Amino acid sequence: MYPETLGFGAFLSPMHPLGEDPTLQFQRDLELIELLDRLDYREFWIGEHHSMGWNTIGSPELMVAAAAERTRRITLATGVMTLPYHHPFMVASRAVHLDHLTRGRFVLGVGAGGIPTDARMIGREMSELRAMFGEALEAVVALINGEERVTKKTSWFTLKDAKLQLSPYRPSGLEIAAASVASGNSMRLAGRYGISTVSFGAPRPGHPRPDMRAQWAYAEEAAAEHGTTVDRRNWRITLPVYVAETREQALADVREGYDRWAYGYWGDIRGLDVSVPGVKRAHALEAAVEAGSAIVGSIDDVVAGIERLREEVGGFGTLLVYAQDWADWEKTKRSYDLLARYVAPRFTGSTRRLQESVRWYQDNRDLFPQLIP
């Protein structure tokens, strides 16, 4: 089913350049969530990382709890909680607690983890994370939305007759979403358990974007195999998006920040090759936009970019703006404002009846005598 409308949200990994006071940075992140709540964004996702300097949020659950007290409508999600780093019972217990604290405005986003220094510090091998994620996810789904007691023993956790005291806030249960970067593993697990999905549409610089249509096919195939269902309306895709009055202004606003992110973080800190064959560094941003790895431009440019993405993947439910410090704070807020006011209505249908009212009058002017001035 191709969703008729598209929701909008934001995904805060976070990716903050070095230099800013972290205490004030956390407050700015919370201010952004408050802003998006006022602008009627649907969701806000908060990541978990423990190293690499740019990724400063180690406990997304705490940020969700703080944001819940400052907001009224927006859904808050962990984006994502790294399951191999936590005992599944504690993940499930904290998730259901947050579900109640937010009165049902919580989504448990989970993933396997991807930063090698995080894994090393707690004695995890990167080669183990994918299997550990699958083991933990099975337990978490059963604990949160199941009724039976769970007994399970693996090489790294044990559950004995485990059952949460609390049920999810809503009778329908708590939404769980598996995050996918490039491989089909998480999408297959989502299909197996019939849970939601969130896909990272922005690869690291210099790499092509994952085949998103193929990723969804993995989820559908696994769902069919295990007798569950998946729905494109519960599929989120994250992508950097920036809107300004003109394309030229948008590119100028984010160029320095994009360069700092691509060559400073991924190149200098992570030590990865971020070059694009045949593309000079001065034109790397334009190349990323052309490749669909970011959507940057005027209102019409961004609308066209989102429409291209929808067509490319076959439809999805929510576009999560991958929150980047590519522009300064005031311009960043302006971009979110323009997106909510002028881009989103083209996909949410919020102005449909207004436009219909105008068209009806234009088509039926002969019913109304012209007033003489």
Foldseek 3Di string as FASTA:
>chain_A
DFDQFAAEAAEPLPFADPDDDVVVVLVLVLVVLLLCLVLPHAEYEYEADDDLRRRPDHDLLVSLLVSLVNHDHHAYEHPAAAQVVDQLLVLLQSQLVSLVSNLNSYEHEYEQDDDQVRQVVVVHDPVCRLVSRLVSVVVSCCQALNDFFDADDDPPDTGDSDHDPDHHSDPVTHAYEYEDEADLSRLLSCLLSVGAYEYEQADQAQDAGHQLLVSNVNSQVSVVVNVYDYDQQRYEYEAAEFADAWQVVQCVQQVVQVLCVRCVRVCPSVVDDRDHPPDDSSCSVVVCCVSLRHQTTYLVSNLVSVVVVCVSNVHHNYYHHHDGPRGPDVSRSVRSSCCSPRNNCVRRVPCVVVVVVVVVCVVPVVVDDDDDD
